[in-house]
Structure formats: C-alpha cells, structure tokens
Amino acid sequence: MQIREYQEGDLAALRAIHGAQGFDYPLPDLRNPLFVTKLVLANDAAVSVVGAQHMSRPCRDAAPLRQPSFSEDDPVERTSRGAERTAPGKILGAAFLRLTAEAYLLLDPRAGTPCERWQWLLALHAAAERDAWHRGLEDVHAWLPASIAQKFGKRLARLGWVRDDAWTPYCKKLMQMK
C-alpha cells in the first residue's frame, strides 16, 4: 500500500469509488483551497512512511463489519472483491480534510436586558459571518450544550442556521505525534 498526495489524474477513479459508496452527497470539488489534506491510498508493493504506522495492526483489531450481499452481475463487486486482484497503482481510497469553523459565543448573561443581549448577539453574529466569509470559509458549526439546545437552537434557526441530524458527528482530538 502507498499513501501519497492527491493528483488531478486520480479524479476519475475517486469519482467511481464515491459512486460505489452510494452516499447521497456529491463528490466535493477537490480544487477548493479549503481542502488542506488530500491523500490517496493506492495498491503498491512499497509501504509509505505515512501508512506504515497503521499497517502493522492486524485486522483482528478492527471492528467487525457486516459484509453486504452483492450479485455476481454487479460490476463494482466483480472488480473490487479482493486486494489480491487489485492491480499495482490502483486507487483504493482517499482521505480529504476541509477547513471549517466551530462557533463559540461568549455573552455575559448578567449584562443588559434580554432584548439588549439579543441585539448584541445579532451584531456579533453578522460581524462573525462577514469575517468567516472574507476568510474563505464556507460553513460554520455550533455544538450547543443540552441545557440550552432547544431554546437557543430556535434562535439560531431564525438566523439561518440549520440543525443537521442527517449525519452523526464524530470528533478526533489530535495529539502531538512522536
């Protein structure tokens, strides 16, 4: 296996992989400068430095996956059934990281009236939205504490925020690599 930087020539293979996954979203535009990490996994005899640290982990450590059923007539299944049939250099997958922003609001609950605090929030919201847009960001995310989610979520919705329960978020805390 080899992990390398994405190249424009990889796009057709990645479109095919994306289509085979069957997710209901378009393949993002990988020319977008917000994609700061673009790595491709290709079948190769050599193991890259990036991938070597994870390749030694046996598959038995992985969570068990339920194998989907396919028919012999399925072209994706016929061409992707096993690594032993994968030609050298064939793209097996990719990982992309796109910059986004997490919103934090600090507003003194002891200052002003509720109406004044709402006006202050509106001013901060508009300024932060303009600033994020000028910096090239495309989206901002907010994770609300359960204690305020219902009430404050309604206020965010009035400002154009959308609650996205279609996807389950996960977070990976990054630690310094040794």
Protein backbone atom coordinates (compact mmCIF):
# COMPACT_ATOMS: atom_id res chain seq x y z
CA MET A 1 0.00 0.00 0.00
CA GLN A 2 1.12 3.52 -0.71
CA ILE A 3 -0.32 6.74 0.70
CA ARG A 4 0.53 9.76 -1.43
CA GLU A 5 -0.71 13.23 -2.24
CA TYR A 6 -3.77 13.51 -4.49
CA GLN A 7 -3.14 14.32 -8.16
CA GLU A 8 -5.72 15.58 -10.66
CA GLY A 9 -5.28 12.34 -12.62
CA ASP A 10 -6.82 10.48 -9.64
CA LEU A 11 -10.19 12.18 -10.02
CA ALA A 12 -11.88 9.62 -12.32
CA ALA A 13 -11.00 6.73 -10.01
CA LEU A 14 -12.18 8.68 -6.96
CA ARG A 15 -15.47 9.54 -8.69
CA ALA A 16 -16.01 5.82 -9.30
CA ILE A 17 -15.23 4.98 -5.65
CA HIS A 18 -17.53 7.76 -4.45
CA GLY A 19 -20.33 6.45 -6.67
CA ALA A 20 -19.80 2.89 -5.46
CA GLN A 21 -20.20 4.02 -1.85
CA GLY A 22 -23.74 5.14 -2.60
CA PHE A 23 -23.78 8.14 -0.27
CA ASP A 24 -26.33 10.82 -1.02
CA TYR A 25 -23.96 13.76 -1.49
CA PRO A 26 -21.89 14.92 -4.46
CA LEU A 27 -18.15 14.41 -4.58
CA PRO A 28 -16.76 17.76 -3.40
CA ASP A 29 -14.70 19.98 -5.67
CA LEU A 30 -11.17 18.97 -4.71
CA ARG A 31 -9.76 22.14 -6.32
CA ASN A 32 -11.31 24.08 -3.42
CA PRO A 33 -8.42 25.54 -1.38
CA LEU A 34 -10.26 24.68 1.84
CA PHE A 35 -9.20 21.08 1.24
CA VAL A 36 -5.90 21.24 3.08
CA THR A 37 -5.28 17.49 3.22
CA LYS A 38 -5.74 15.32 0.14
CA LEU A 39 -4.28 11.83 0.49
CA VAL A 40 -4.78 8.84 -1.80
CA LEU A 41 -4.32 5.17 -0.93
CA ALA A 42 -3.00 3.14 -3.85
CA ASN A 43 -2.11 -0.52 -4.16
CA ASP A 44 1.66 -0.73 -4.36
CA ALA A 45 4.42 -3.08 -3.30
CA ALA A 46 6.04 -0.45 -1.09
CA VAL A 47 4.59 0.83 2.18
CA SER A 48 4.71 4.61 2.57
CA VAL A 49 6.04 6.26 5.69
CA VAL A 50 2.59 7.77 6.32
CA GLY A 51 0.85 4.42 6.26
CA ALA A 52 3.48 2.23 7.87
CA GLN A 53 2.46 3.04 11.43
CA HIS A 54 -1.04 1.61 10.87
CA MET A 55 -0.26 -1.26 8.52
CA SER A 56 1.23 -3.43 11.27
CA ARG A 57 -2.07 -3.53 13.17
CA PRO A 58 -3.74 -6.87 12.43
CA CYS A 59 -7.24 -6.89 11.02
CA ARG A 60 -8.46 -8.76 14.06
CA ASP A 61 -8.18 -5.45 15.98
CA ALA A 62 -10.68 -3.83 13.65
CA ALA A 63 -14.36 -3.71 14.46
CA PRO A 64 -16.25 -6.46 12.67
CA LEU A 65 -18.07 -5.31 9.56
CA ARG A 66 -21.15 -6.91 8.14
CA GLN A 67 -20.47 -7.80 4.52
CA PRO A 68 -23.13 -6.51 2.12
CA SER A 69 -24.58 -9.00 -0.30
CA PHE A 70 -23.84 -8.47 -3.99
CA SER A 71 -24.76 -10.33 -7.09
CA GLU A 72 -22.18 -11.72 -9.48
CA ASP A 73 -23.56 -9.31 -12.09
CA ASP A 74 -22.62 -6.23 -10.05
CA PRO A 75 -19.67 -4.55 -11.86
CA VAL A 76 -18.39 -2.87 -8.68
CA GLU A 77 -18.42 -6.20 -6.84
CA ARG A 78 -16.67 -8.05 -9.66
CA THR A 79 -13.84 -5.52 -9.80
CA SER A 80 -13.35 -4.87 -6.07
CA ARG A 81 -13.78 -8.21 -4.34
CA GLY A 82 -10.24 -8.59 -3.03
CA ALA A 83 -6.88 -6.90 -2.76
CA GLU A 84 -5.27 -9.92 -4.38
CA ARG A 85 -6.93 -8.93 -7.65
CA THR A 86 -6.06 -5.25 -7.36
CA ALA A 87 -3.54 -4.05 -9.90
CA PRO A 88 -0.47 -2.17 -8.66
CA GLY A 89 -1.10 1.56 -8.56
CA LYS A 90 -4.89 1.16 -8.42
CA ILE A 91 -6.52 3.70 -6.15
CA LEU A 92 -8.26 2.02 -3.22
CA GLY A 93 -9.37 5.07 -1.28
CA ALA A 94 -8.67 8.62 -0.23
CA ALA A 95 -8.90 10.94 2.78
CA PHE A 96 -9.70 14.63 2.45
CA LEU A 97 -9.81 17.25 5.17
CA ARG A 98 -11.67 20.50 4.53
CA LEU A 99 -11.35 23.51 6.81
CA THR A 100 -14.49 24.56 8.61
CA ALA A 101 -15.13 26.61 11.72
CA GLU A 102 -16.62 25.92 15.12
CA ALA A 103 -18.58 28.81 16.60
CA TYR A 104 -18.23 29.86 20.22
CA LEU A 105 -20.40 32.61 21.70
CA LEU A 106 -19.46 34.34 24.93
CA LEU A 107 -22.11 36.79 26.06
CA ASP A 108 -22.32 37.95 29.66
CA PRO A 109 -25.70 36.78 30.99
CA ARG A 110 -25.50 39.38 33.79
CA ALA A 111 -25.18 42.38 31.46
CA GLY A 112 -28.09 44.28 29.92
CA THR A 113 -31.64 43.18 29.35
CA PRO A 114 -32.65 40.09 27.34
CA CYS A 115 -33.55 42.41 24.44
CA GLU A 116 -30.14 44.13 24.61
CA ARG A 117 -28.32 40.79 24.74
CA TRP A 118 -30.27 39.67 21.63
CA GLN A 119 -29.16 42.85 19.83
CA TRP A 120 -25.57 42.23 20.88
CA LEU A 121 -25.79 38.66 19.65
CA LEU A 122 -27.15 39.89 16.29
CA ALA A 123 -24.25 42.33 15.94
CA LEU A 124 -21.67 39.66 16.80
CA HIS A 125 -23.37 37.15 14.50
CA ALA A 126 -23.32 39.49 11.50
CA ALA A 127 -19.69 40.51 12.09
CA ALA A 128 -18.51 36.91 12.57
CA GLU A 129 -20.40 35.76 9.46
CA ARG A 130 -18.78 38.50 7.33
CA ASP A 131 -15.35 37.72 8.77
CA ALA A 132 -15.68 33.98 8.12
CA TRP A 133 -16.85 34.61 4.54
CA HIS A 134 -13.94 37.01 3.85
CA ARG A 135 -11.52 34.38 5.14
CA GLY A 136 -12.87 31.93 2.56
CA LEU A 137 -14.82 29.65 4.89
CA GLU A 138 -17.94 28.00 3.53
CA ASP A 139 -19.63 26.89 6.73
CA VAL A 140 -19.63 27.29 10.48
CA HIS A 141 -20.75 24.69 13.01
CA ALA A 142 -22.09 25.14 16.52
CA TRP A 143 -22.48 22.42 19.13
CA LEU A 144 -24.94 23.51 21.77
CA PRO A 145 -24.94 22.26 25.36
CA ALA A 146 -28.07 20.20 26.06
CA SER A 147 -29.19 22.73 28.65
CA ILE A 148 -29.70 25.46 26.02
CA ALA A 149 -30.12 23.48 22.81
CA GLN A 150 -33.90 23.65 22.50
CA LYS A 151 -34.41 27.32 23.31
CA PHE A 152 -31.23 28.74 21.79
CA GLY A 153 -31.49 26.41 18.79
CA LYS A 154 -34.73 28.15 17.83
CA ARG A 155 -32.94 31.49 17.89
CA LEU A 156 -30.15 30.13 15.70
CA ALA A 157 -32.75 28.81 13.26
CA ARG A 158 -34.19 32.33 12.97
CA LEU A 159 -30.69 33.46 11.94
CA GLY A 160 -30.43 30.88 9.16
CA TRP A 161 -28.69 28.05 11.00
CA VAL A 162 -29.86 24.55 10.15
CA ARG A 163 -29.92 21.68 12.60
CA ASP A 164 -28.24 18.79 10.84
CA ASP A 165 -29.33 15.48 12.25
CA ALA A 166 -28.79 13.71 8.92
CA TRP A 167 -25.19 12.87 9.86
CA THR A 168 -23.77 11.73 13.17
CA PRO A 169 -20.76 13.87 14.10
CA TYR A 170 -17.58 12.39 15.48
CA CYS A 171 -14.53 14.27 16.69
CA LYS A 172 -10.87 13.22 16.61
CA LYS A 173 -8.71 15.06 19.10
CA LEU A 174 -5.24 15.40 17.58
CA MET A 175 -2.20 14.82 19.75
CA GLN A 176 1.42 15.53 19.03
CA MET A 177 2.99 12.67 17.08
CA LYS A 178 6.21 11.23 18.48
